[in-house]
Amino acid sequence: MGRFRGSITKQSRREGINLAETEKVQKYLDKRPYAPGQHGQRRKGRPSDYSVRLREKQKLSRLYGMGEKQFRNLFEEASNVPGVTGTVFLQLLERRLDNVVFRMGFASTRRQARQFVGHGHIFVNGKKVDIASYRVKIGDQVSIGEKSRQMGFILENMEALKRRRVSPWIEMNPETFTGVFSRLPAREDLALPINENFIIEYYSR
């Protein structure tokens, strides 16, 4: 299945969470806290256990903008790593380069971050990386390329960064358009409206 390119607002309403993690989408959700379409406000019966677990999996994969095959492969990798599977899985998702670019504030959304990476605007430890799924390591420095620092979108995002709370596992230097992935986030660092145990149960069925 190809990557979803439709309205992130409608998809957020379908899942009941702010998939873009932007104020604009949140305001829209506050106005319309129900699924899109003519039947969106109808009261539904109790969902099955399978449906609950499927929806939780869909929420998380759509939050990070991943297709099913890539998402499942990452989950299976997390399952084979020592530690709490759910937390390890979330940490692997957080280490994706597109997500790190978003967390650092270089991009306003993960979708925009994927575009920046794909168009060659992002460097890791001084080397251009154009693969969104590239896995950032602790201590890696991520930066905006010199030639890209005067782009309108990037300048707007850097200005917005002054009013934005940076994730505690990220160290930023806005003046040099650089950030460092300083540590793995703990589960309590990630304010995600997700129950990862449901996802573990979904893939273990």
N, C-alpha and C. Protein backbone atom coordinates (compact mmCIF):
# COMPACT_ATOMS: atom_id res chain seq x y z
N MET A 1 0.84 -1.19 0.00
CA MET A 1 0.00 0.00 0.00
C MET A 1 0.87 1.24 0.00
N GLY A 2 0.56 2.23 -0.86
CA GLY A 2 1.36 3.44 -0.94
C GLY A 2 1.14 4.35 0.25
N ARG A 3 1.99 5.35 0.35
CA ARG A 3 1.88 6.29 1.45
C ARG A 3 0.63 7.15 1.29
N PHE A 4 -0.07 7.40 2.41
CA PHE A 4 -1.27 8.22 2.39
C PHE A 4 -0.91 9.67 2.07
N ARG A 5 -1.60 10.27 1.09
CA ARG A 5 -1.32 11.64 0.70
C ARG A 5 -2.56 12.52 0.76
N GLY A 6 -3.60 12.04 1.40
CA GLY A 6 -4.83 12.81 1.51
C GLY A 6 -4.80 13.80 2.67
N SER A 7 -5.98 14.21 3.12
CA SER A 7 -6.10 15.19 4.18
C SER A 7 -5.71 14.61 5.54
N ILE A 8 -4.68 15.17 6.17
CA ILE A 8 -4.27 14.71 7.50
C ILE A 8 -5.32 15.09 8.53
N THR A 9 -6.11 16.14 8.25
CA THR A 9 -7.16 16.55 9.17
C THR A 9 -8.27 15.51 9.22
N LYS A 10 -8.71 15.05 8.05
CA LYS A 10 -9.75 14.02 8.01
C LYS A 10 -9.26 12.73 8.65
N GLN A 11 -8.01 12.39 8.38
CA GLN A 11 -7.45 11.17 8.96
C GLN A 11 -7.37 11.30 10.48
N SER A 12 -7.05 12.49 10.96
CA SER A 12 -6.99 12.73 12.40
C SER A 12 -8.38 12.57 13.02
N ARG A 13 -9.39 13.08 12.34
CA ARG A 13 -10.77 12.92 12.84
C ARG A 13 -11.16 11.45 12.86
N ARG A 14 -10.73 10.70 11.86
CA ARG A 14 -11.05 9.27 11.81
C ARG A 14 -10.43 8.53 12.99
N GLU A 15 -9.19 8.89 13.34
CA GLU A 15 -8.50 8.19 14.42
C GLU A 15 -8.75 8.81 15.79
N GLY A 16 -9.28 10.04 15.80
CA GLY A 16 -9.58 10.68 17.07
C GLY A 16 -8.38 11.28 17.78
N ILE A 17 -7.26 11.46 17.07
CA ILE A 17 -6.08 12.10 17.65
C ILE A 17 -5.46 13.05 16.63
N ASN A 18 -4.65 13.97 17.12
CA ASN A 18 -4.00 14.96 16.26
C ASN A 18 -2.76 14.33 15.63
N LEU A 19 -2.92 13.76 14.45
CA LEU A 19 -1.82 13.06 13.78
C LEU A 19 -0.73 14.02 13.30
N ALA A 20 -1.09 15.26 13.04
CA ALA A 20 -0.11 16.24 12.58
C ALA A 20 0.64 16.89 13.74
N GLU A 21 0.05 16.81 14.94
CA GLU A 21 0.61 17.45 16.13
C GLU A 21 0.83 18.94 15.91
N THR A 22 -0.17 19.59 15.27
CA THR A 22 -0.12 21.03 15.05
C THR A 22 -1.33 21.69 15.70
N GLU A 23 -1.22 22.97 16.03
CA GLU A 23 -2.32 23.69 16.66
C GLU A 23 -3.52 23.79 15.71
N LYS A 24 -3.24 23.96 14.42
CA LYS A 24 -4.31 24.11 13.44
C LYS A 24 -5.21 22.89 13.41
N VAL A 25 -4.60 21.70 13.35
CA VAL A 25 -5.38 20.47 13.32
C VAL A 25 -6.11 20.25 14.65
N GLN A 26 -5.45 20.61 15.76
CA GLN A 26 -6.09 20.44 17.07
C GLN A 26 -7.35 21.30 17.19
N LYS A 27 -7.28 22.54 16.70
CA LYS A 27 -8.45 23.41 16.74
C LYS A 27 -9.60 22.83 15.92
N TYR A 28 -9.25 22.22 14.78
CA TYR A 28 -10.27 21.61 13.93
C TYR A 28 -10.90 20.41 14.63
N LEU A 29 -10.07 19.61 15.32
CA LEU A 29 -10.58 18.46 16.05
C LEU A 29 -11.48 18.90 17.21
N ASP A 30 -11.13 20.00 17.85
CA ASP A 30 -11.96 20.51 18.95
C ASP A 30 -13.34 20.93 18.45
N LYS A 31 -13.39 21.43 17.21
CA LYS A 31 -14.67 21.85 16.63
C LYS A 31 -15.49 20.65 16.16
N ARG A 32 -14.80 19.62 15.65
CA ARG A 32 -15.48 18.45 15.09
C ARG A 32 -14.89 17.17 15.68
N PRO A 33 -15.20 16.88 16.93
CA PRO A 33 -14.62 15.70 17.60
C PRO A 33 -15.34 14.40 17.24
N TYR A 34 -15.49 14.17 15.95
CA TYR A 34 -16.14 12.95 15.48
C TYR A 34 -15.60 12.62 14.10
N ALA A 35 -15.82 11.40 13.65
CA ALA A 35 -15.28 10.94 12.37
C ALA A 35 -15.88 11.74 11.21
N PRO A 36 -15.15 11.87 10.09
CA PRO A 36 -15.67 12.61 8.94
C PRO A 36 -16.76 11.82 8.23
N GLY A 37 -17.49 12.51 7.36
CA GLY A 37 -18.53 11.84 6.58
C GLY A 37 -19.90 12.02 7.20
N GLN A 38 -20.94 11.65 6.44
CA GLN A 38 -22.31 11.89 6.89
C GLN A 38 -22.72 11.02 8.07
N HIS A 39 -21.98 9.92 8.29
CA HIS A 39 -22.31 9.04 9.42
C HIS A 39 -21.36 9.23 10.60
N GLY A 40 -20.53 10.26 10.53
CA GLY A 40 -19.50 10.43 11.55
C GLY A 40 -20.03 10.64 12.95
N GLN A 41 -21.23 11.26 13.08
CA GLN A 41 -21.76 11.57 14.41
C GLN A 41 -22.70 10.50 14.94
N ARG A 42 -22.92 9.46 14.16
CA ARG A 42 -23.80 8.40 14.63
C ARG A 42 -23.17 7.63 15.78
N ARG A 43 -23.97 7.29 16.76
CA ARG A 43 -23.47 6.51 17.88
C ARG A 43 -23.29 5.05 17.45
N LYS A 44 -22.12 4.51 17.71
CA LYS A 44 -21.82 3.15 17.29
C LYS A 44 -21.85 2.20 18.48
N GLY A 45 -22.00 0.92 18.18
CA GLY A 45 -21.97 -0.08 19.24
C GLY A 45 -20.57 -0.29 19.77
N ARG A 46 -20.46 -1.14 20.77
CA ARG A 46 -19.16 -1.42 21.37
C ARG A 46 -18.26 -2.12 20.37
N PRO A 47 -17.06 -1.58 20.11
CA PRO A 47 -16.17 -2.21 19.14
C PRO A 47 -15.61 -3.53 19.68
N SER A 48 -15.28 -4.42 18.77
CA SER A 48 -14.69 -5.70 19.17
C SER A 48 -13.27 -5.48 19.68
N ASP A 49 -12.73 -6.47 20.39
CA ASP A 49 -11.35 -6.38 20.87
C ASP A 49 -10.39 -6.24 19.70
N TYR A 50 -10.67 -6.97 18.63
CA TYR A 50 -9.80 -6.88 17.44
C TYR A 50 -9.82 -5.47 16.87
N SER A 51 -11.01 -4.87 16.79
CA SER A 51 -11.15 -3.52 16.23
C SER A 51 -10.39 -2.50 17.06
N VAL A 52 -10.45 -2.62 18.38
CA VAL A 52 -9.75 -1.70 19.27
C VAL A 52 -8.25 -1.77 19.02
N ARG A 53 -7.73 -2.99 18.90
CA ARG A 53 -6.30 -3.18 18.70
C ARG A 53 -5.86 -2.73 17.31
N LEU A 54 -6.69 -2.98 16.32
CA LEU A 54 -6.39 -2.51 14.96
C LEU A 54 -6.34 -0.99 14.91
N ARG A 55 -7.32 -0.34 15.53
CA ARG A 55 -7.34 1.12 15.51
C ARG A 55 -6.12 1.70 16.19
N GLU A 56 -5.65 1.07 17.28
CA GLU A 56 -4.49 1.57 17.98
C GLU A 56 -3.24 1.45 17.09
N LYS A 57 -3.16 0.34 16.38
CA LYS A 57 -2.04 0.15 15.45
C LYS A 57 -2.09 1.18 14.33
N GLN A 58 -3.29 1.44 13.82
CA GLN A 58 -3.46 2.43 12.75
C GLN A 58 -3.09 3.83 13.23
N LYS A 59 -3.47 4.16 14.45
CA LYS A 59 -3.13 5.47 15.00
C LYS A 59 -1.62 5.70 14.98
N LEU A 60 -0.89 4.71 15.50
CA LEU A 60 0.56 4.89 15.64
C LEU A 60 1.25 4.90 14.29
N SER A 61 0.86 4.00 13.39
CA SER A 61 1.51 3.97 12.07
C SER A 61 1.22 5.25 11.29
N ARG A 62 0.02 5.78 11.43
CA ARG A 62 -0.32 7.02 10.73
C ARG A 62 0.32 8.23 11.39
N LEU A 63 0.50 8.18 12.70
CA LEU A 63 1.17 9.28 13.40
C LEU A 63 2.59 9.46 12.86
N TYR A 64 3.27 8.34 12.62
CA TYR A 64 4.65 8.40 12.11
C TYR A 64 4.71 8.32 10.58
N GLY A 65 3.56 8.21 9.93
CA GLY A 65 3.51 8.24 8.47
C GLY A 65 4.13 7.03 7.80
N MET A 66 3.87 5.82 8.35
CA MET A 66 4.50 4.62 7.82
C MET A 66 3.48 3.66 7.22
N GLY A 67 3.92 2.92 6.20
CA GLY A 67 3.11 1.87 5.62
C GLY A 67 3.14 0.62 6.48
N GLU A 68 2.22 -0.29 6.22
CA GLU A 68 2.08 -1.47 7.07
C GLU A 68 3.33 -2.36 7.08
N LYS A 69 3.91 -2.63 5.92
CA LYS A 69 5.06 -3.54 5.87
C LYS A 69 6.23 -2.99 6.66
N GLN A 70 6.54 -1.72 6.45
CA GLN A 70 7.66 -1.09 7.15
C GLN A 70 7.39 -1.02 8.65
N PHE A 71 6.14 -0.73 9.01
CA PHE A 71 5.75 -0.63 10.41
C PHE A 71 5.88 -1.98 11.11
N ARG A 72 5.38 -3.02 10.46
CA ARG A 72 5.44 -4.36 11.06
C ARG A 72 6.89 -4.85 11.18
N ASN A 73 7.69 -4.60 10.17
CA ASN A 73 9.09 -5.02 10.23
C ASN A 73 9.81 -4.37 11.41
N LEU A 74 9.51 -3.10 11.66
CA LEU A 74 10.12 -2.41 12.78
C LEU A 74 9.64 -2.99 14.11
N PHE A 75 8.35 -3.34 14.15
CA PHE A 75 7.82 -3.97 15.37
C PHE A 75 8.51 -5.31 15.64
N GLU A 76 8.68 -6.10 14.59
CA GLU A 76 9.33 -7.41 14.77
C GLU A 76 10.78 -7.24 15.23
N GLU A 77 11.45 -6.19 14.74
CA GLU A 77 12.80 -5.92 15.21
C GLU A 77 12.79 -5.58 16.70
N ALA A 78 11.83 -4.74 17.10
CA ALA A 78 11.72 -4.35 18.51
C ALA A 78 11.44 -5.56 19.40
N SER A 79 10.69 -6.52 18.87
CA SER A 79 10.34 -7.71 19.64
C SER A 79 11.56 -8.56 19.97
N ASN A 80 12.63 -8.42 19.18
CA ASN A 80 13.84 -9.22 19.37
C ASN A 80 14.95 -8.47 20.11
N VAL A 81 14.62 -7.28 20.60
CA VAL A 81 15.59 -6.47 21.35
C VAL A 81 15.28 -6.59 22.84
N PRO A 82 16.29 -6.82 23.69
CA PRO A 82 16.04 -6.90 25.14
C PRO A 82 15.39 -5.62 25.66
N GLY A 83 14.47 -5.76 26.59
CA GLY A 83 13.77 -4.60 27.14
C GLY A 83 12.28 -4.73 26.97
N VAL A 84 11.58 -3.66 27.32
CA VAL A 84 10.12 -3.63 27.18
C VAL A 84 9.78 -3.39 25.72
N THR A 85 9.13 -4.35 25.08
CA THR A 85 8.91 -4.28 23.63
C THR A 85 8.23 -3.00 23.20
N GLY A 86 7.19 -2.58 23.91
CA GLY A 86 6.47 -1.38 23.52
C GLY A 86 7.35 -0.15 23.55
N THR A 87 8.16 -0.01 24.59
CA THR A 87 9.05 1.15 24.71
C THR A 87 10.15 1.10 23.65
N VAL A 88 10.73 -0.08 23.44
CA VAL A 88 11.77 -0.23 22.41
C VAL A 88 11.21 0.15 21.04
N PHE A 89 9.98 -0.28 20.76
CA PHE A 89 9.34 0.02 19.49
C PHE A 89 9.18 1.53 19.30
N LEU A 90 8.70 2.21 20.33
CA LEU A 90 8.52 3.67 20.24
C LEU A 90 9.86 4.37 20.06
N GLN A 91 10.90 3.86 20.72
CA GLN A 91 12.23 4.46 20.57
C GLN A 91 12.76 4.30 19.16
N LEU A 92 12.51 3.14 18.55
CA LEU A 92 12.93 2.95 17.16
C LEU A 92 12.19 3.90 16.23
N LEU A 93 10.91 4.12 16.50
CA LEU A 93 10.14 5.08 15.69
C LEU A 93 10.69 6.49 15.86
N GLU A 94 11.06 6.83 17.09
CA GLU A 94 11.57 8.17 17.36
C GLU A 94 12.93 8.40 16.72
N ARG A 95 13.66 7.34 16.44
CA ARG A 95 15.00 7.48 15.86
C ARG A 95 14.99 7.64 14.35
N ARG A 96 13.83 7.52 13.71
CA ARG A 96 13.75 7.77 12.28
C ARG A 96 14.16 9.21 11.99
N LEU A 97 14.90 9.42 10.93
CA LEU A 97 15.40 10.76 10.63
C LEU A 97 14.28 11.75 10.40
N ASP A 98 13.23 11.36 9.69
CA ASP A 98 12.13 12.31 9.46
C ASP A 98 11.51 12.75 10.78
N ASN A 99 11.37 11.81 11.73
CA ASN A 99 10.82 12.17 13.02
C ASN A 99 11.75 13.08 13.80
N VAL A 100 13.06 12.81 13.75
CA VAL A 100 14.03 13.64 14.47
C VAL A 100 14.03 15.06 13.91
N VAL A 101 13.94 15.20 12.60
CA VAL A 101 13.86 16.52 11.97
C VAL A 101 12.63 17.27 12.47
N PHE A 102 11.52 16.55 12.59
CA PHE A 102 10.29 17.15 13.13
C PHE A 102 10.47 17.53 14.59
N ARG A 103 11.02 16.64 15.39
CA ARG A 103 11.21 16.91 16.83
C ARG A 103 12.13 18.11 17.06
N MET A 104 13.09 18.28 16.18
CA MET A 104 14.03 19.39 16.33
C MET A 104 13.42 20.72 15.90
N GLY A 105 12.26 20.69 15.26
CA GLY A 105 11.59 21.92 14.85
C GLY A 105 12.01 22.43 13.50
N PHE A 106 12.86 21.68 12.79
CA PHE A 106 13.25 22.09 11.44
C PHE A 106 12.04 22.02 10.50
N ALA A 107 11.11 21.13 10.79
CA ALA A 107 9.89 20.97 10.00
C ALA A 107 8.68 21.10 10.92
N SER A 108 7.58 21.59 10.38
CA SER A 108 6.38 21.80 11.20
C SER A 108 5.57 20.52 11.38
N THR A 109 5.74 19.56 10.47
CA THR A 109 5.05 18.27 10.57
C THR A 109 6.01 17.17 10.12
N ARG A 110 5.68 15.93 10.43
CA ARG A 110 6.51 14.82 9.95
C ARG A 110 6.43 14.70 8.44
N ARG A 111 5.30 15.02 7.87
CA ARG A 111 5.16 14.97 6.41
C ARG A 111 6.11 15.96 5.76
N GLN A 112 6.17 17.17 6.30
CA GLN A 112 7.10 18.16 5.77
C GLN A 112 8.54 17.72 6.00
N ALA A 113 8.79 17.08 7.15
CA ALA A 113 10.15 16.60 7.45
C ALA A 113 10.59 15.56 6.42
N ARG A 114 9.69 14.66 6.02
CA ARG A 114 10.03 13.66 4.99
C ARG A 114 10.40 14.35 3.68
N GLN A 115 9.69 15.42 3.34
CA GLN A 115 10.01 16.15 2.12
C GLN A 115 11.40 16.78 2.21
N PHE A 116 11.70 17.39 3.34
CA PHE A 116 13.01 18.02 3.51
C PHE A 116 14.13 17.00 3.39
N VAL A 117 13.91 15.83 4.00
CA VAL A 117 14.93 14.77 3.92
C VAL A 117 15.08 14.30 2.48
N GLY A 118 13.95 14.00 1.84
CA GLY A 118 13.98 13.50 0.48
C GLY A 118 14.58 14.46 -0.52
N HIS A 119 14.45 15.77 -0.26
CA HIS A 119 14.97 16.79 -1.18
C HIS A 119 16.42 17.18 -0.87
N GLY A 120 17.03 16.48 0.08
CA GLY A 120 18.44 16.68 0.33
C GLY A 120 18.81 17.88 1.19
N HIS A 121 17.87 18.36 2.01
CA HIS A 121 18.14 19.53 2.85
C HIS A 121 18.75 19.16 4.20
N ILE A 122 18.79 17.87 4.54
CA ILE A 122 19.18 17.43 5.88
C ILE A 122 20.53 16.71 5.86
N PHE A 123 21.37 17.05 6.84
CA PHE A 123 22.68 16.44 6.99
C PHE A 123 22.79 15.78 8.37
N VAL A 124 23.46 14.63 8.42
CA VAL A 124 23.74 13.96 9.68
C VAL A 124 25.25 13.85 9.83
N ASN A 125 25.76 14.44 10.88
CA ASN A 125 27.21 14.48 11.12
C ASN A 125 27.97 15.01 9.90
N GLY A 126 27.37 16.03 9.26
CA GLY A 126 28.03 16.69 8.14
C GLY A 126 27.84 16.04 6.79
N LYS A 127 27.11 14.92 6.73
CA LYS A 127 26.89 14.22 5.46
C LYS A 127 25.41 14.23 5.09
N LYS A 128 25.13 14.53 3.82
CA LYS A 128 23.74 14.57 3.37
C LYS A 128 23.11 13.18 3.48
N VAL A 129 21.90 13.13 4.05
CA VAL A 129 21.14 11.88 4.14
C VAL A 129 19.75 12.16 3.59
N ASP A 130 19.33 11.40 2.57
CA ASP A 130 18.02 11.64 1.96
C ASP A 130 17.07 10.47 2.13
N ILE A 131 17.29 9.66 3.16
CA ILE A 131 16.44 8.51 3.45
C ILE A 131 15.68 8.78 4.74
N ALA A 132 14.35 8.91 4.64
CA ALA A 132 13.53 9.29 5.80
C ALA A 132 13.63 8.29 6.94
N SER A 133 13.81 7.01 6.61
CA SER A 133 13.85 5.96 7.63
C SER A 133 15.23 5.77 8.24
N TYR A 134 16.20 6.56 7.80
CA TYR A 134 17.56 6.47 8.36
C TYR A 134 17.48 6.55 9.88
N ARG A 135 18.23 5.67 10.56
CA ARG A 135 18.13 5.59 12.02
C ARG A 135 19.22 6.43 12.68
N VAL A 136 18.79 7.46 13.37
CA VAL A 136 19.71 8.36 14.07
C VAL A 136 20.21 7.67 15.34
N LYS A 137 21.49 7.84 15.63
CA LYS A 137 22.09 7.26 16.84
C LYS A 137 22.31 8.34 17.90
N ILE A 138 22.46 7.89 19.14
CA ILE A 138 22.75 8.81 20.23
C ILE A 138 24.05 9.56 19.92
N GLY A 139 24.00 10.87 20.05
CA GLY A 139 25.18 11.70 19.78
C GLY A 139 25.27 12.23 18.37
N ASP A 140 24.40 11.75 17.47
CA ASP A 140 24.42 12.25 16.09
C ASP A 140 23.98 13.71 16.03
N GLN A 141 24.66 14.46 15.19
CA GLN A 141 24.29 15.85 14.96
C GLN A 141 23.50 15.94 13.65
N VAL A 142 22.32 16.52 13.72
CA VAL A 142 21.46 16.70 12.55
C VAL A 142 21.39 18.18 12.24
N SER A 143 21.53 18.54 10.98
CA SER A 143 21.56 19.96 10.61
C SER A 143 20.88 20.21 9.28
N ILE A 144 20.56 21.48 9.06
CA ILE A 144 20.04 21.93 7.78
C ILE A 144 21.24 22.30 6.91
N GLY A 145 21.24 21.86 5.65
CA GLY A 145 22.33 22.19 4.75
C GLY A 145 22.50 23.69 4.58
N GLU A 146 23.72 24.12 4.39
CA GLU A 146 24.04 25.55 4.27
C GLU A 146 23.20 26.24 3.20
N LYS A 147 23.02 25.58 2.06
CA LYS A 147 22.30 26.20 0.96
C LYS A 147 20.79 26.25 1.20
N SER A 148 20.32 25.52 2.20
CA SER A 148 18.87 25.43 2.45
C SER A 148 18.41 26.33 3.58
N ARG A 149 19.33 27.00 4.24
CA ARG A 149 19.00 27.73 5.46
C ARG A 149 18.22 29.02 5.22
N GLN A 150 18.15 29.46 3.99
CA GLN A 150 17.40 30.68 3.68
C GLN A 150 16.05 30.37 3.02
N MET A 151 15.68 29.10 2.98
CA MET A 151 14.37 28.73 2.44
C MET A 151 13.27 29.28 3.34
N GLY A 152 12.20 29.77 2.71
CA GLY A 152 11.10 30.38 3.47
C GLY A 152 10.52 29.48 4.53
N PHE A 153 10.20 28.23 4.16
CA PHE A 153 9.59 27.30 5.11
C PHE A 153 10.51 27.05 6.30
N ILE A 154 11.77 26.88 6.04
CA ILE A 154 12.72 26.58 7.11
C ILE A 154 12.89 27.79 8.03
N LEU A 155 12.97 28.97 7.47
CA LEU A 155 13.08 30.18 8.29
C LEU A 155 11.83 30.36 9.17
N GLU A 156 10.66 30.07 8.61
CA GLU A 156 9.42 30.16 9.39
C GLU A 156 9.44 29.16 10.55
N ASN A 157 9.91 27.95 10.25
CA ASN A 157 9.95 26.92 11.30
C ASN A 157 10.95 27.27 12.39
N MET A 158 12.08 27.85 12.02
CA MET A 158 13.08 28.23 13.01
C MET A 158 12.57 29.37 13.88
N GLU A 159 11.78 30.25 13.29
CA GLU A 159 11.18 31.32 14.08
C GLU A 159 10.16 30.75 15.05
N ALA A 160 9.36 29.79 14.57
CA ALA A 160 8.35 29.14 15.44
C ALA A 160 9.01 28.34 16.55
N LEU A 161 10.23 27.88 16.31
CA LEU A 161 10.96 27.08 17.30
C LEU A 161 11.19 27.87 18.59
N LYS A 162 11.25 29.20 18.48
CA LYS A 162 11.45 30.04 19.66
C LYS A 162 10.28 29.94 20.63
N ARG A 163 9.10 29.57 20.10
CA ARG A 163 7.90 29.46 20.94
C ARG A 163 7.52 28.01 21.21
N ARG A 164 8.35 27.09 20.77
CA ARG A 164 8.02 25.67 20.84
C ARG A 164 8.89 24.96 21.88
N ARG A 165 8.29 24.06 22.61
CA ARG A 165 9.03 23.28 23.59
C ARG A 165 9.76 22.15 22.87
N VAL A 166 11.08 22.14 23.00
CA VAL A 166 11.88 21.09 22.36
C VAL A 166 11.89 19.84 23.22
N SER A 167 11.83 18.69 22.61
CA SER A 167 11.84 17.42 23.33
C SER A 167 13.08 17.32 24.21
N PRO A 168 12.96 16.78 25.42
CA PRO A 168 14.09 16.77 26.37
C PRO A 168 15.26 15.90 25.94
N TRP A 169 15.08 15.02 24.97
CA TRP A 169 16.20 14.19 24.51
C TRP A 169 16.91 14.82 23.30
N ILE A 170 16.52 16.06 23.00
CA ILE A 170 17.11 16.80 21.88
C ILE A 170 17.82 18.04 22.42
N GLU A 171 19.03 18.29 21.93
CA GLU A 171 19.76 19.52 22.26
C GLU A 171 19.85 20.37 21.00
N MET A 172 19.33 21.58 21.08
CA MET A 172 19.25 22.43 19.89
C MET A 172 20.18 23.62 19.95
N ASN A 173 20.69 24.01 18.78
CA ASN A 173 21.44 25.25 18.61
C ASN A 173 20.85 25.95 17.38
N PRO A 174 19.75 26.69 17.57
CA PRO A 174 19.06 27.31 16.42
C PRO A 174 19.95 28.23 15.60
N GLU A 175 20.92 28.90 16.25
CA GLU A 175 21.78 29.83 15.53
C GLU A 175 22.58 29.14 14.43
N THR A 176 22.94 27.88 14.66
CA THR A 176 23.73 27.14 13.66
C THR A 176 22.89 26.12 12.89
N PHE A 177 21.56 26.15 13.09
CA PHE A 177 20.66 25.23 12.41
C PHE A 177 21.06 23.78 12.67
N THR A 178 21.43 23.48 13.90
CA THR A 178 21.84 22.12 14.25
C THR A 178 21.16 21.65 15.52
N GLY A 179 21.08 20.33 15.66
CA GLY A 179 20.56 19.72 16.87
C GLY A 179 21.27 18.40 17.09
N VAL A 180 21.26 17.93 18.32
CA VAL A 180 21.90 16.66 18.66
C VAL A 180 20.88 15.75 19.31
N PHE A 181 20.85 14.50 18.85
CA PHE A 181 20.00 13.47 19.45
C PHE A 181 20.78 12.94 20.65
N SER A 182 20.50 13.50 21.83
CA SER A 182 21.38 13.29 22.98
C SER A 182 21.13 11.99 23.74
N ARG A 183 19.92 11.45 23.68
CA ARG A 183 19.61 10.20 24.38
C ARG A 183 18.33 9.60 23.84
N LEU A 184 18.08 8.35 24.22
CA LEU A 184 16.82 7.73 23.86
C LEU A 184 15.72 8.28 24.76
N PRO A 185 14.54 8.56 24.21
CA PRO A 185 13.46 9.04 25.07
C PRO A 185 12.91 7.92 25.95
N ALA A 186 12.60 8.23 27.20
CA ALA A 186 11.91 7.28 28.07
C ALA A 186 10.43 7.29 27.70
N ARG A 187 9.70 6.27 28.11
CA ARG A 187 8.28 6.22 27.76
C ARG A 187 7.54 7.43 28.31
N GLU A 188 7.90 7.87 29.51
CA GLU A 188 7.20 9.02 30.10
C GLU A 188 7.52 10.32 29.37
N ASP A 189 8.57 10.34 28.57
CA ASP A 189 8.89 11.52 27.76
C ASP A 189 7.92 11.68 26.59
N LEU A 190 7.35 10.57 26.17
CA LEU A 190 6.54 10.56 24.95
C LEU A 190 5.06 10.70 25.30
N ALA A 191 4.55 11.90 25.11
CA ALA A 191 3.14 12.16 25.42
C ALA A 191 2.26 11.73 24.25
N LEU A 192 2.32 10.44 23.94
CA LEU A 192 1.56 9.90 22.82
C LEU A 192 0.25 9.30 23.32
N PRO A 193 -0.88 9.64 22.70
CA PRO A 193 -2.17 9.08 23.12
C PRO A 193 -2.36 7.66 22.58
N ILE A 194 -1.41 6.81 22.92
CA ILE A 194 -1.36 5.46 22.35
C ILE A 194 -1.18 4.44 23.46
N ASN A 195 -1.86 3.32 23.34
CA ASN A 195 -1.62 2.19 24.24
C ASN A 195 -0.86 1.14 23.43
N GLU A 196 0.46 1.15 23.56
CA GLU A 196 1.29 0.27 22.74
C GLU A 196 1.07 -1.21 23.06
N ASN A 197 0.52 -1.51 24.25
CA ASN A 197 0.24 -2.90 24.59
C ASN A 197 -0.81 -3.50 23.67
N PHE A 198 -1.76 -2.66 23.21
CA PHE A 198 -2.76 -3.13 22.26
C PHE A 198 -2.10 -3.51 20.94
N ILE A 199 -1.06 -2.78 20.56
CA ILE A 199 -0.37 -3.06 19.30
C ILE A 199 0.41 -4.37 19.42
N ILE A 200 1.02 -4.60 20.57
CA ILE A 200 1.71 -5.87 20.82
C ILE A 200 0.71 -7.03 20.73
N GLU A 201 -0.46 -6.84 21.32
CA GLU A 201 -1.49 -7.89 21.27
C GLU A 201 -2.01 -8.08 19.85
N TYR A 202 -2.11 -6.99 19.08
CA TYR A 202 -2.58 -7.10 17.70
C TYR A 202 -1.64 -7.98 16.88
N TYR A 203 -0.33 -7.74 17.00
CA TYR A 203 0.63 -8.51 16.21
C TYR A 203 0.91 -9.89 16.79
N SER A 204 0.46 -10.14 18.01
CA SER A 204 0.69 -11.44 18.64
C SER A 204 -0.48 -12.38 18.47
N ARG A 205 -1.53 -11.90 17.79
CA ARG A 205 -2.76 -12.72 17.71
C ARG A 205 -2.55 -13.96 16.84
